[in-house]
């Protein structure tokens, strides 16, 4: 009887610990859920900053918008008024709630024309846009090193380096090494949680040099 009584008390203790653990986990989940709901700005499809730094942002800039902003940047380089492509993209996102449809690209053209004509500046145009600085920081973190000055070696016998300005991003796979890739950027993913795949898968052989 005494042994059964001891086993019964042990069983009760384990159940109490399990119950306490479940309640603690539930409390944590509720706290996280409340935090996410209060931090998420559903109308803008972005998450606001909490403390120092951006936690997360939708990066759904269209190909057309990227190309148009890039053209403005490169074509005005070295001129009196130089349009920065990240600033153009950030302005467009702030005006259109992070969406990049045909209307958004039209808005980019309009503000670019106004700046080039001297009618306004980006600082003036974005002064009243609440999320401009937010997008500027987010897009800058992704695109800052993609466009700028770089040096390239000429193909002639001299092999001199000349300075250029433009797209300076490069393939991470070393030259002459074979690889396969999948154009799966934006494809739905469900592992862990439902989301879009914000990457481009590239598969090389073991030992392939990768430049980062």
N, C-alpha and C. Protein backbone atom coordinates (compact mmCIF):
# COMPACT_ATOMS: atom_id res chain seq x y z
N UNK A 1 0.82 -1.21 0.00
CA UNK A 1 0.00 0.00 0.00
C UNK A 1 0.85 1.25 0.00
N UNK A 2 1.94 1.18 0.79
CA UNK A 2 2.82 2.35 0.88
C UNK A 2 3.48 2.64 -0.46
N UNK A 3 3.89 1.54 -1.19
CA UNK A 3 4.53 1.71 -2.50
C UNK A 3 3.55 2.32 -3.50
N UNK A 4 2.30 1.83 -3.46
CA UNK A 4 1.30 2.38 -4.36
C UNK A 4 1.04 3.86 -4.07
N UNK A 5 1.06 4.19 -2.76
CA UNK A 5 0.82 5.58 -2.37
C UNK A 5 1.94 6.49 -2.89
N UNK A 6 3.19 5.98 -2.78
CA UNK A 6 4.33 6.77 -3.27
C UNK A 6 4.24 6.95 -4.78
N UNK A 7 3.92 5.85 -5.52
CA UNK A 7 3.79 5.92 -6.97
C UNK A 7 2.68 6.87 -7.38
N UNK A 8 1.60 6.86 -6.60
CA UNK A 8 0.48 7.76 -6.90
C UNK A 8 0.90 9.22 -6.76
N UNK A 9 1.68 9.50 -5.66
CA UNK A 9 2.14 10.88 -5.46
C UNK A 9 3.10 11.30 -6.57
N UNK A 10 3.96 10.36 -7.02
CA UNK A 10 4.88 10.67 -8.12
C UNK A 10 4.12 10.99 -9.40
N UNK A 11 3.09 10.17 -9.66
CA UNK A 11 2.28 10.40 -10.86
C UNK A 11 1.59 11.74 -10.82
N UNK A 12 1.07 12.08 -9.63
CA UNK A 12 0.41 13.38 -9.47
C UNK A 12 1.38 14.53 -9.70
N UNK A 13 2.62 14.36 -9.18
CA UNK A 13 3.65 15.40 -9.35
C UNK A 13 4.01 15.61 -10.80
N UNK A 14 4.16 14.51 -11.55
CA UNK A 14 4.49 14.61 -12.97
C UNK A 14 3.40 15.31 -13.74
N UNK A 15 2.13 14.95 -13.43
CA UNK A 15 1.00 15.59 -14.10
C UNK A 15 0.95 17.08 -13.81
N UNK A 16 1.28 17.43 -12.57
CA UNK A 16 1.29 18.85 -12.20
C UNK A 16 2.35 19.61 -12.98
N UNK A 17 3.55 19.00 -13.10
CA UNK A 17 4.62 19.63 -13.87
C UNK A 17 4.23 19.77 -15.34
N UNK A 18 3.60 18.72 -15.89
CA UNK A 18 3.16 18.79 -17.29
C UNK A 18 2.12 19.88 -17.49
N UNK A 19 1.18 19.95 -16.55
CA UNK A 19 0.14 20.98 -16.65
C UNK A 19 0.74 22.36 -16.58
N UNK A 20 1.69 22.55 -15.67
CA UNK A 20 2.34 23.85 -15.53
C UNK A 20 3.10 24.20 -16.80
N UNK A 21 3.77 23.19 -17.39
CA UNK A 21 4.52 23.42 -18.63
C UNK A 21 3.61 23.82 -19.77
N UNK A 22 2.47 23.14 -19.87
CA UNK A 22 1.51 23.46 -20.93
C UNK A 22 0.96 24.87 -20.76
N UNK A 23 0.63 25.22 -19.53
CA UNK A 23 0.12 26.57 -19.27
C UNK A 23 1.15 27.64 -19.60
N UNK A 24 2.42 27.36 -19.26
CA UNK A 24 3.50 28.31 -19.55
C UNK A 24 3.67 28.49 -21.05
N UNK A 25 3.65 27.36 -21.77
CA UNK A 25 3.78 27.42 -23.23
C UNK A 25 2.63 28.19 -23.85
N UNK A 26 1.42 27.95 -23.36
CA UNK A 26 0.25 28.66 -23.88
C UNK A 26 0.37 30.16 -23.64
N UNK A 27 0.86 30.51 -22.45
CA UNK A 27 1.02 31.93 -22.12
C UNK A 27 2.03 32.59 -23.05
N UNK A 28 3.12 31.86 -23.35
CA UNK A 28 4.13 32.39 -24.25
C UNK A 28 3.58 32.58 -25.66
N UNK A 29 2.81 31.58 -26.13
CA UNK A 29 2.23 31.67 -27.46
C UNK A 29 1.26 32.84 -27.57
N UNK A 30 0.46 33.02 -26.53
CA UNK A 30 -0.48 34.15 -26.52
C UNK A 30 0.28 35.47 -26.54
N UNK A 31 1.35 35.55 -25.74
CA UNK A 31 2.14 36.78 -25.68
C UNK A 31 2.76 37.10 -27.03
N UNK A 32 3.29 36.05 -27.69
CA UNK A 32 3.90 36.25 -29.01
C UNK A 32 2.85 36.67 -30.02
N UNK A 33 1.67 36.05 -29.94
CA UNK A 33 0.59 36.40 -30.86
C UNK A 33 0.15 37.84 -30.70
N UNK A 34 -0.01 38.27 -29.44
CA UNK A 34 -0.39 39.67 -29.18
C UNK A 34 0.67 40.61 -29.69
N UNK A 35 1.96 40.26 -29.47
CA UNK A 35 3.06 41.10 -29.94
C UNK A 35 3.03 41.25 -31.45
N UNK A 36 2.83 40.11 -32.15
CA UNK A 36 2.82 40.15 -33.61
C UNK A 36 1.66 40.98 -34.14
N UNK A 37 0.49 40.82 -33.51
CA UNK A 37 -0.68 41.56 -33.97
C UNK A 37 -0.50 43.06 -33.77
N UNK A 38 0.07 43.46 -32.61
CA UNK A 38 0.24 44.88 -32.35
C UNK A 38 1.36 45.47 -33.17
N UNK A 39 2.38 44.66 -33.52
CA UNK A 39 3.49 45.19 -34.28
C UNK A 39 3.23 45.21 -35.78
N UNK A 40 2.29 44.38 -36.25
CA UNK A 40 2.08 44.26 -37.69
C UNK A 40 1.11 45.33 -38.18
N UNK A 41 1.52 46.03 -39.23
CA UNK A 41 0.70 47.04 -39.86
C UNK A 41 0.05 46.40 -41.08
N UNK A 42 -1.15 45.87 -40.93
CA UNK A 42 -1.76 45.07 -41.98
C UNK A 42 -2.02 45.88 -43.24
N UNK A 43 -2.29 47.16 -43.14
CA UNK A 43 -2.61 47.96 -44.31
C UNK A 43 -1.39 48.20 -45.18
N UNK A 44 -0.17 48.10 -44.60
CA UNK A 44 1.04 48.39 -45.37
C UNK A 44 1.83 47.14 -45.72
N UNK A 45 1.42 45.99 -45.18
CA UNK A 45 2.14 44.74 -45.40
C UNK A 45 3.60 44.85 -44.96
N UNK A 46 3.82 45.52 -43.85
CA UNK A 46 5.16 45.62 -43.30
C UNK A 46 5.09 45.45 -41.80
N UNK A 47 6.21 45.14 -41.19
CA UNK A 47 6.28 45.07 -39.74
C UNK A 47 7.08 46.27 -39.27
N UNK A 48 6.54 47.00 -38.33
CA UNK A 48 7.22 48.19 -37.86
C UNK A 48 8.44 47.83 -37.03
N UNK A 49 9.32 48.79 -36.87
CA UNK A 49 10.54 48.55 -36.10
C UNK A 49 10.21 48.41 -34.63
N UNK A 50 10.92 47.54 -33.96
CA UNK A 50 10.79 47.36 -32.52
C UNK A 50 12.17 47.57 -31.92
N UNK A 51 12.38 48.73 -31.34
CA UNK A 51 13.71 49.04 -30.84
C UNK A 51 14.59 49.49 -31.99
N UNK A 52 15.83 49.05 -32.00
CA UNK A 52 16.77 49.42 -33.05
C UNK A 52 16.78 48.35 -34.14
N UNK A 53 16.49 48.76 -35.36
CA UNK A 53 16.57 47.83 -36.48
C UNK A 53 15.22 47.33 -36.95
N UNK A 54 15.16 46.96 -38.22
CA UNK A 54 13.94 46.44 -38.83
C UNK A 54 13.90 44.93 -38.65
N UNK A 55 12.76 44.42 -38.24
CA UNK A 55 12.61 42.99 -38.01
C UNK A 55 12.30 42.25 -39.30
N UNK A 56 11.41 42.80 -40.12
CA UNK A 56 10.99 42.10 -41.33
C UNK A 56 10.25 43.07 -42.24
N UNK A 57 10.36 42.85 -43.56
CA UNK A 57 9.63 43.68 -44.52
C UNK A 57 9.39 42.87 -45.78
N UNK A 58 8.24 43.08 -46.41
CA UNK A 58 7.97 42.44 -47.70
C UNK A 58 8.89 43.06 -48.76
N UNK A 59 9.66 42.23 -49.45
CA UNK A 59 10.47 42.72 -50.56
C UNK A 59 9.85 42.17 -51.84
N UNK A 60 8.87 42.89 -52.36
CA UNK A 60 8.15 42.42 -53.54
C UNK A 60 8.22 43.42 -54.68
N UNK A 61 9.38 44.07 -54.82
CA UNK A 61 9.58 45.03 -55.90
C UNK A 61 9.53 44.29 -57.23
N UNK A 62 8.78 44.82 -58.17
CA UNK A 62 8.64 44.17 -59.47
C UNK A 62 9.91 44.35 -60.30
N UNK A 63 10.08 43.45 -61.26
CA UNK A 63 11.23 43.51 -62.16
C UNK A 63 11.23 44.82 -62.94
N UNK A 64 10.05 45.25 -63.38
CA UNK A 64 9.94 46.48 -64.14
C UNK A 64 10.37 47.69 -63.30
N UNK A 65 9.96 47.70 -62.04
CA UNK A 65 10.33 48.81 -61.16
C UNK A 65 11.84 48.83 -60.90
N UNK A 66 12.43 47.67 -60.69
CA UNK A 66 13.87 47.59 -60.48
C UNK A 66 14.62 48.11 -61.70
N UNK A 67 14.20 47.68 -62.89
CA UNK A 67 14.87 48.10 -64.12
C UNK A 67 14.74 49.60 -64.34
N UNK A 68 13.54 50.13 -64.12
CA UNK A 68 13.32 51.56 -64.35
C UNK A 68 14.13 52.40 -63.37
N UNK A 69 14.14 52.02 -62.10
CA UNK A 69 14.93 52.76 -61.11
C UNK A 69 16.42 52.68 -61.44
N UNK A 70 16.87 51.51 -61.87
CA UNK A 70 18.27 51.32 -62.24
C UNK A 70 18.64 52.22 -63.43
N UNK A 71 17.78 52.29 -64.43
CA UNK A 71 18.03 53.14 -65.60
C UNK A 71 18.17 54.60 -65.20
N UNK A 72 17.28 55.07 -64.33
CA UNK A 72 17.37 56.46 -63.87
C UNK A 72 18.71 56.71 -63.17
N UNK A 73 19.10 55.78 -62.33
CA UNK A 73 20.35 55.93 -61.56
C UNK A 73 21.55 56.00 -62.49
N UNK A 74 21.69 55.03 -63.38
CA UNK A 74 22.85 54.95 -64.27
C UNK A 74 22.87 56.11 -65.27
N UNK A 75 21.73 56.44 -65.84
CA UNK A 75 21.68 57.49 -66.86
C UNK A 75 21.93 58.89 -66.31
N UNK A 76 21.75 59.09 -65.01
CA UNK A 76 21.98 60.41 -64.42
C UNK A 76 23.29 60.48 -63.65
N UNK A 77 24.05 59.40 -63.65
CA UNK A 77 25.32 59.38 -62.91
C UNK A 77 26.29 60.40 -63.52
N UNK A 78 26.92 61.18 -62.66
CA UNK A 78 27.88 62.19 -63.10
C UNK A 78 27.25 63.49 -63.56
N UNK A 79 25.91 63.56 -63.55
CA UNK A 79 25.22 64.78 -63.96
C UNK A 79 24.88 65.62 -62.74
N UNK A 80 24.40 66.83 -62.99
CA UNK A 80 24.10 67.76 -61.89
C UNK A 80 23.08 67.18 -60.93
N UNK A 81 22.06 66.53 -61.47
CA UNK A 81 21.06 65.86 -60.64
C UNK A 81 21.18 64.36 -60.85
N UNK A 82 21.58 63.66 -59.81
CA UNK A 82 21.74 62.21 -59.89
C UNK A 82 20.62 61.54 -59.11
N UNK A 83 19.85 60.70 -59.78
CA UNK A 83 18.76 59.98 -59.14
C UNK A 83 19.28 58.67 -58.55
N UNK A 84 19.04 58.48 -57.27
CA UNK A 84 19.45 57.26 -56.59
C UNK A 84 18.33 56.23 -56.70
N UNK A 85 18.65 55.02 -57.20
CA UNK A 85 17.59 54.05 -57.47
C UNK A 85 16.93 53.54 -56.20
N UNK A 86 17.65 53.47 -55.10
CA UNK A 86 17.05 53.01 -53.85
C UNK A 86 16.08 54.06 -53.32
N UNK A 87 16.42 55.32 -53.48
CA UNK A 87 15.51 56.39 -53.06
C UNK A 87 14.23 56.37 -53.90
N UNK A 88 14.37 56.14 -55.20
CA UNK A 88 13.19 56.07 -56.07
C UNK A 88 12.29 54.90 -55.68
N UNK A 89 12.89 53.76 -55.42
CA UNK A 89 12.11 52.59 -55.01
C UNK A 89 11.44 52.80 -53.66
N UNK A 90 12.14 53.45 -52.74
CA UNK A 90 11.60 53.70 -51.41
C UNK A 90 10.43 54.68 -51.47
N UNK A 91 10.58 55.72 -52.29
CA UNK A 91 9.48 56.68 -52.47
C UNK A 91 8.26 55.98 -53.06
N UNK A 92 8.48 55.16 -54.08
CA UNK A 92 7.38 54.45 -54.73
C UNK A 92 6.66 53.52 -53.77
N UNK A 93 7.43 52.82 -52.95
CA UNK A 93 6.84 51.91 -51.96
C UNK A 93 6.05 52.68 -50.92
N UNK A 94 6.58 53.80 -50.46
CA UNK A 94 5.90 54.60 -49.43
C UNK A 94 4.59 55.18 -49.95
N UNK A 95 4.55 55.53 -51.22
CA UNK A 95 3.33 56.10 -51.81
C UNK A 95 2.28 55.02 -52.07
N UNK A 96 2.74 53.80 -52.38
CA UNK A 96 1.82 52.74 -52.80
C UNK A 96 1.69 51.61 -51.78
N UNK A 97 2.07 51.86 -50.54
CA UNK A 97 1.89 50.85 -49.51
C UNK A 97 2.69 49.59 -49.74
N UNK A 98 3.86 49.71 -50.37
CA UNK A 98 4.71 48.55 -50.59
C UNK A 98 4.38 47.74 -51.83
N UNK A 99 3.35 48.15 -52.58
CA UNK A 99 2.95 47.43 -53.78
C UNK A 99 3.62 48.03 -55.01
N UNK A 100 3.93 47.20 -56.00
CA UNK A 100 4.60 47.66 -57.21
C UNK A 100 3.86 47.16 -58.45
N UNK A 101 2.71 47.78 -58.71
CA UNK A 101 1.98 47.46 -59.92
C UNK A 101 2.31 48.50 -60.99
N UNK A 102 1.58 48.50 -62.09
CA UNK A 102 1.85 49.44 -63.17
C UNK A 102 1.69 50.89 -62.70
N UNK A 103 0.71 51.12 -61.82
CA UNK A 103 0.51 52.47 -61.30
C UNK A 103 1.68 52.95 -60.48
N UNK A 104 2.31 52.03 -59.75
CA UNK A 104 3.46 52.39 -58.92
C UNK A 104 4.64 52.83 -59.78
N UNK A 105 4.87 52.11 -60.88
CA UNK A 105 5.96 52.48 -61.79
C UNK A 105 5.67 53.84 -62.42
N UNK A 106 4.42 54.11 -62.68
CA UNK A 106 4.03 55.42 -63.21
C UNK A 106 4.34 56.53 -62.20
N UNK A 107 4.09 56.24 -60.92
CA UNK A 107 4.41 57.22 -59.87
C UNK A 107 5.91 57.47 -59.81
N UNK A 108 6.70 56.43 -60.04
CA UNK A 108 8.15 56.59 -60.04
C UNK A 108 8.59 57.52 -61.18
N UNK A 109 8.01 57.32 -62.34
CA UNK A 109 8.35 58.17 -63.49
C UNK A 109 8.00 59.63 -63.20
N UNK A 110 6.84 59.85 -62.58
CA UNK A 110 6.39 61.22 -62.30
C UNK A 110 7.34 61.93 -61.35
N UNK A 111 7.73 61.26 -60.25
CA UNK A 111 8.60 61.92 -59.29
C UNK A 111 10.00 62.11 -59.87
N UNK A 112 10.44 61.17 -60.70
CA UNK A 112 11.76 61.31 -61.35
C UNK A 112 11.77 62.52 -62.28
N UNK A 113 10.70 62.69 -63.05
CA UNK A 113 10.61 63.84 -63.96
C UNK A 113 10.59 65.16 -63.19
N UNK A 114 9.88 65.18 -62.07
CA UNK A 114 9.81 66.41 -61.27
C UNK A 114 11.18 66.77 -60.68
N UNK A 115 11.91 65.76 -60.23
CA UNK A 115 13.22 66.01 -59.66
C UNK A 115 14.20 66.48 -60.73
N UNK A 116 14.17 65.83 -61.88
CA UNK A 116 15.08 66.20 -62.96
C UNK A 116 14.79 67.59 -63.52
N UNK A 117 13.53 68.00 -63.46
CA UNK A 117 13.16 69.33 -63.95
C UNK A 117 13.44 70.42 -62.93
N UNK A 118 13.82 70.03 -61.72
CA UNK A 118 14.10 71.01 -60.67
C UNK A 118 12.88 71.46 -59.91
N UNK A 119 11.74 70.82 -60.19
CA UNK A 119 10.49 71.21 -59.53
C UNK A 119 10.51 70.86 -58.05
N UNK A 120 11.20 69.78 -57.70
CA UNK A 120 11.29 69.36 -56.31
C UNK A 120 12.56 68.54 -56.12
N UNK A 121 12.79 68.11 -54.89
CA UNK A 121 13.89 67.20 -54.59
C UNK A 121 13.31 65.98 -53.88
N UNK A 122 14.09 64.92 -53.80
CA UNK A 122 13.58 63.73 -53.11
C UNK A 122 13.35 64.03 -51.64
N UNK A 123 14.20 64.84 -51.05
CA UNK A 123 14.02 65.20 -49.64
C UNK A 123 12.70 65.91 -49.42
N UNK A 124 12.35 66.82 -50.33
CA UNK A 124 11.09 67.55 -50.21
C UNK A 124 9.90 66.64 -50.49
N UNK A 125 10.01 65.81 -51.52
CA UNK A 125 8.90 64.96 -51.93
C UNK A 125 8.57 63.89 -50.88
N UNK A 126 9.58 63.46 -50.16
CA UNK A 126 9.37 62.38 -49.18
C UNK A 126 9.17 62.88 -47.75
N UNK A 127 9.19 64.17 -47.57
CA UNK A 127 9.14 64.75 -46.22
C UNK A 127 7.91 64.31 -45.43
N UNK A 128 6.77 64.20 -46.10
CA UNK A 128 5.52 63.86 -45.40
C UNK A 128 5.14 62.38 -45.55
N UNK A 129 6.04 61.58 -46.09
CA UNK A 129 5.75 60.15 -46.25
C UNK A 129 6.24 59.40 -45.03
N UNK A 130 5.32 58.88 -44.25
CA UNK A 130 5.63 58.26 -42.96
C UNK A 130 6.61 57.09 -43.07
N UNK A 131 6.45 56.30 -44.14
CA UNK A 131 7.23 55.06 -44.24
C UNK A 131 8.42 55.17 -45.19
N UNK A 132 8.71 56.36 -45.69
CA UNK A 132 9.82 56.50 -46.63
C UNK A 132 11.16 56.07 -46.02
N UNK A 133 11.47 56.58 -44.84
CA UNK A 133 12.75 56.26 -44.20
C UNK A 133 12.83 54.77 -43.87
N UNK A 134 11.67 54.20 -43.57
CA UNK A 134 11.62 52.77 -43.26
C UNK A 134 12.00 51.93 -44.49
N UNK A 135 11.37 52.24 -45.63
CA UNK A 135 11.70 51.52 -46.86
C UNK A 135 13.12 51.82 -47.31
N UNK A 136 13.58 53.04 -47.10
CA UNK A 136 14.93 53.40 -47.48
C UNK A 136 15.95 52.53 -46.75
N UNK A 137 15.71 52.31 -45.47
CA UNK A 137 16.61 51.46 -44.69
C UNK A 137 16.51 50.00 -45.11
N UNK A 138 15.28 49.53 -45.33
CA UNK A 138 15.06 48.12 -45.68
C UNK A 138 15.64 47.81 -47.06
N UNK A 139 15.31 48.63 -48.06
CA UNK A 139 15.80 48.37 -49.42
C UNK A 139 17.30 48.62 -49.52
N UNK A 140 17.78 49.58 -48.73
CA UNK A 140 19.21 49.85 -48.73
C UNK A 140 20.01 48.66 -48.22
N UNK A 141 19.44 47.96 -47.24
CA UNK A 141 20.12 46.78 -46.68
C UNK A 141 20.28 45.68 -47.73
N UNK A 142 19.32 45.61 -48.66
CA UNK A 142 19.36 44.57 -49.69
C UNK A 142 20.14 45.01 -50.93
N UNK A 143 19.95 46.26 -51.36
CA UNK A 143 20.43 46.69 -52.68
C UNK A 143 21.62 47.63 -52.67
N UNK A 144 22.09 48.03 -51.51
CA UNK A 144 23.12 49.08 -51.43
C UNK A 144 24.37 48.75 -52.24
N UNK A 145 24.78 47.50 -52.28
CA UNK A 145 26.03 47.13 -52.95
C UNK A 145 25.82 46.66 -54.39
N UNK A 146 24.61 46.76 -54.90
CA UNK A 146 24.34 46.26 -56.25
C UNK A 146 24.74 47.23 -57.35
N UNK A 147 24.64 48.52 -57.07
CA UNK A 147 24.93 49.53 -58.09
C UNK A 147 25.96 50.52 -57.55
N UNK A 148 26.91 50.86 -58.38
CA UNK A 148 27.93 51.83 -57.95
C UNK A 148 29.14 51.78 -58.85
N UNK A 149 30.22 52.37 -58.39
CA UNK A 149 31.46 52.38 -59.17
C UNK A 149 32.21 51.06 -58.98
N UNK A 150 32.85 50.62 -60.03
CA UNK A 150 33.67 49.41 -59.97
C UNK A 150 34.73 49.49 -61.06
N UNK A 151 35.73 48.64 -60.97
CA UNK A 151 36.78 48.57 -61.97
C UNK A 151 36.76 47.21 -62.65
N UNK A 152 36.99 47.23 -63.95
CA UNK A 152 36.99 45.98 -64.73
C UNK A 152 38.22 45.96 -65.62
N UNK A 153 38.78 44.78 -65.75
CA UNK A 153 39.99 44.63 -66.55
C UNK A 153 39.65 44.53 -68.04
N UNK A 154 40.37 45.25 -68.85
CA UNK A 154 40.14 45.22 -70.29
C UNK A 154 40.58 43.89 -70.87
N UNK A 155 40.02 43.56 -72.03
CA UNK A 155 40.31 42.26 -72.66
C UNK A 155 41.56 42.31 -73.53
N UNK A 156 42.16 43.50 -73.74
CA UNK A 156 43.34 43.58 -74.60
C UNK A 156 44.58 43.07 -73.87
N UNK A 157 45.69 43.14 -74.55
CA UNK A 157 46.94 42.60 -74.01
C UNK A 157 47.45 43.39 -72.81
N UNK A 158 47.09 44.65 -72.74
CA UNK A 158 47.55 45.47 -71.61
C UNK A 158 46.92 45.04 -70.29
N UNK A 159 45.68 44.62 -70.37
CA UNK A 159 44.99 44.17 -69.16
C UNK A 159 44.81 45.26 -68.13
N UNK A 160 44.61 46.49 -68.57
CA UNK A 160 44.44 47.60 -67.64
C UNK A 160 43.03 47.57 -67.04
N UNK A 161 42.90 48.22 -65.88
CA UNK A 161 41.61 48.32 -65.21
C UNK A 161 41.00 49.69 -65.49
N UNK A 162 39.75 49.69 -65.89
CA UNK A 162 39.05 50.95 -66.14
C UNK A 162 37.87 51.06 -65.18
N UNK A 163 37.55 52.30 -64.80
CA UNK A 163 36.46 52.53 -63.84
C UNK A 163 35.14 52.65 -64.60
N UNK A 164 34.11 51.99 -64.05
CA UNK A 164 32.78 52.06 -64.63
C UNK A 164 31.76 52.27 -63.52
N UNK A 165 30.53 52.56 -63.94
CA UNK A 165 29.43 52.73 -62.98
C UNK A 165 28.24 51.95 -63.49
N UNK A 166 27.64 51.17 -62.61
CA UNK A 166 26.47 50.40 -62.99
C UNK A 166 26.27 49.22 -62.08
N UNK A 167 25.69 48.15 -62.62
CA UNK A 167 25.42 46.96 -61.84
C UNK A 167 26.73 46.22 -61.56
N UNK A 168 27.03 46.05 -60.29
CA UNK A 168 28.29 45.41 -59.93
C UNK A 168 28.08 44.11 -59.14
N UNK A 169 26.85 43.63 -59.09
CA UNK A 169 26.59 42.32 -58.50
C UNK A 169 27.10 41.25 -59.45
N UNK A 170 27.48 40.11 -58.93
CA UNK A 170 28.06 39.08 -59.77
C UNK A 170 27.60 37.70 -59.31
N UNK A 171 27.80 36.72 -60.18
CA UNK A 171 27.44 35.35 -59.84
C UNK A 171 28.37 34.83 -58.75
N UNK A 172 27.82 34.18 -57.73
CA UNK A 172 28.67 33.65 -56.66
C UNK A 172 29.45 32.39 -57.06
N UNK A 173 29.06 31.76 -58.17
CA UNK A 173 29.74 30.55 -58.62
C UNK A 173 30.98 30.94 -59.42
N UNK A 174 32.13 30.37 -59.07
CA UNK A 174 33.38 30.69 -59.75
C UNK A 174 33.30 30.32 -61.24
N UNK A 175 34.03 31.07 -62.05
CA UNK A 175 34.00 30.89 -63.49
C UNK A 175 34.40 29.46 -63.90
N UNK A 176 33.69 28.95 -64.92
CA UNK A 176 33.97 27.64 -65.53
C UNK A 176 33.56 26.45 -64.66
N UNK A 177 32.89 26.69 -63.54
CA UNK A 177 32.39 25.59 -62.72
C UNK A 177 30.91 25.39 -63.00
N UNK A 178 30.50 24.16 -63.34
CA UNK A 178 29.09 23.91 -63.70
C UNK A 178 28.19 23.94 -62.47
N UNK A 179 26.94 24.30 -62.70
CA UNK A 179 25.95 24.30 -61.62
C UNK A 179 24.55 24.26 -62.22
N UNK A 180 23.60 23.87 -61.43
CA UNK A 180 22.18 23.92 -61.81
C UNK A 180 21.48 24.96 -60.94
N UNK A 181 20.42 25.54 -61.46
CA UNK A 181 19.69 26.51 -60.66
C UNK A 181 18.20 26.42 -60.95
N UNK A 182 17.42 26.91 -60.02
CA UNK A 182 15.96 26.92 -60.14
C UNK A 182 15.45 28.34 -59.94
N UNK A 183 14.68 28.81 -60.90
CA UNK A 183 14.10 30.15 -60.79
C UNK A 183 12.88 30.07 -59.89
N UNK A 184 13.12 29.94 -58.57
CA UNK A 184 12.03 29.73 -57.63
C UNK A 184 11.85 30.90 -56.67
N UNK A 185 12.33 32.05 -57.03
CA UNK A 185 12.14 33.22 -56.18
C UNK A 185 10.64 33.54 -56.10
N UNK A 186 10.14 33.67 -54.89
CA UNK A 186 8.73 33.99 -54.69
C UNK A 186 7.81 32.79 -54.63
N UNK A 187 8.36 31.58 -54.83
CA UNK A 187 7.54 30.37 -54.78
C UNK A 187 7.10 30.10 -53.34
N UNK A 188 5.89 29.60 -53.19
CA UNK A 188 5.34 29.34 -51.86
C UNK A 188 6.12 28.26 -51.13
N UNK A 189 6.34 28.47 -49.86
CA UNK A 189 7.01 27.50 -48.99
C UNK A 189 6.11 27.23 -47.79
N UNK A 190 6.13 26.00 -47.29
CA UNK A 190 5.31 25.66 -46.14
C UNK A 190 6.12 25.04 -45.00
N UNK A 191 7.41 24.79 -45.23
CA UNK A 191 8.23 24.18 -44.17
C UNK A 191 8.42 25.18 -43.04
N UNK A 192 8.03 24.81 -41.84
CA UNK A 192 8.14 25.72 -40.70
C UNK A 192 6.93 26.62 -40.57
N UNK A 193 6.63 27.35 -41.63
CA UNK A 193 5.45 28.21 -41.68
C UNK A 193 5.23 28.63 -43.13
N UNK A 194 4.04 29.07 -43.45
CA UNK A 194 3.72 29.45 -44.81
C UNK A 194 4.38 30.78 -45.15
N UNK A 195 5.10 30.83 -46.28
CA UNK A 195 5.83 32.04 -46.66
C UNK A 195 6.24 31.93 -48.12
N UNK A 196 6.83 33.01 -48.64
CA UNK A 196 7.40 32.99 -49.99
C UNK A 196 8.91 32.79 -49.89
N UNK A 197 9.44 32.05 -50.85
CA UNK A 197 10.88 31.79 -50.88
C UNK A 197 11.58 33.00 -51.49
N UNK A 198 12.32 33.73 -50.67
CA UNK A 198 13.00 34.94 -51.13
C UNK A 198 14.46 34.63 -51.47
N UNK A 199 14.64 33.69 -52.39
CA UNK A 199 15.98 33.32 -52.80
C UNK A 199 15.95 32.62 -54.14
N UNK A 200 17.12 32.38 -54.69
CA UNK A 200 17.26 31.69 -55.98
C UNK A 200 18.23 30.54 -55.75
N UNK A 201 17.74 29.31 -55.80
CA UNK A 201 18.55 28.14 -55.48
C UNK A 201 19.56 27.84 -56.58
N UNK A 202 20.82 27.68 -56.19
CA UNK A 202 21.90 27.34 -57.11
C UNK A 202 22.67 26.16 -56.52
N UNK A 203 22.77 25.07 -57.28
CA UNK A 203 23.40 23.85 -56.79
C UNK A 203 24.63 23.50 -57.61
N UNK A 204 25.77 23.46 -56.95
CA UNK A 204 27.01 23.09 -57.61
C UNK A 204 27.58 21.82 -57.01
N UNK A 205 28.63 21.32 -57.62
CA UNK A 205 29.27 20.12 -57.11
C UNK A 205 30.03 20.43 -55.82
N UNK A 206 30.25 19.43 -55.01
CA UNK A 206 31.02 19.60 -53.78
C UNK A 206 32.42 20.08 -54.14
N UNK A 207 32.86 21.14 -53.48
CA UNK A 207 34.19 21.69 -53.76
C UNK A 207 34.17 22.87 -54.71
N UNK A 208 32.99 23.21 -55.24
CA UNK A 208 32.90 24.37 -56.14
C UNK A 208 33.20 25.65 -55.38
N UNK A 209 34.16 26.45 -55.85
CA UNK A 209 34.46 27.73 -55.17
C UNK A 209 33.27 28.68 -55.27
N UNK A 210 32.92 29.31 -54.17
CA UNK A 210 31.82 30.27 -54.13
C UNK A 210 32.36 31.61 -53.65
N UNK A 211 32.04 32.65 -54.40
CA UNK A 211 32.47 34.00 -54.05
C UNK A 211 31.34 34.72 -53.35
N UNK A 212 31.63 35.31 -52.19
CA UNK A 212 30.59 36.03 -51.45
C UNK A 212 31.06 37.44 -51.17
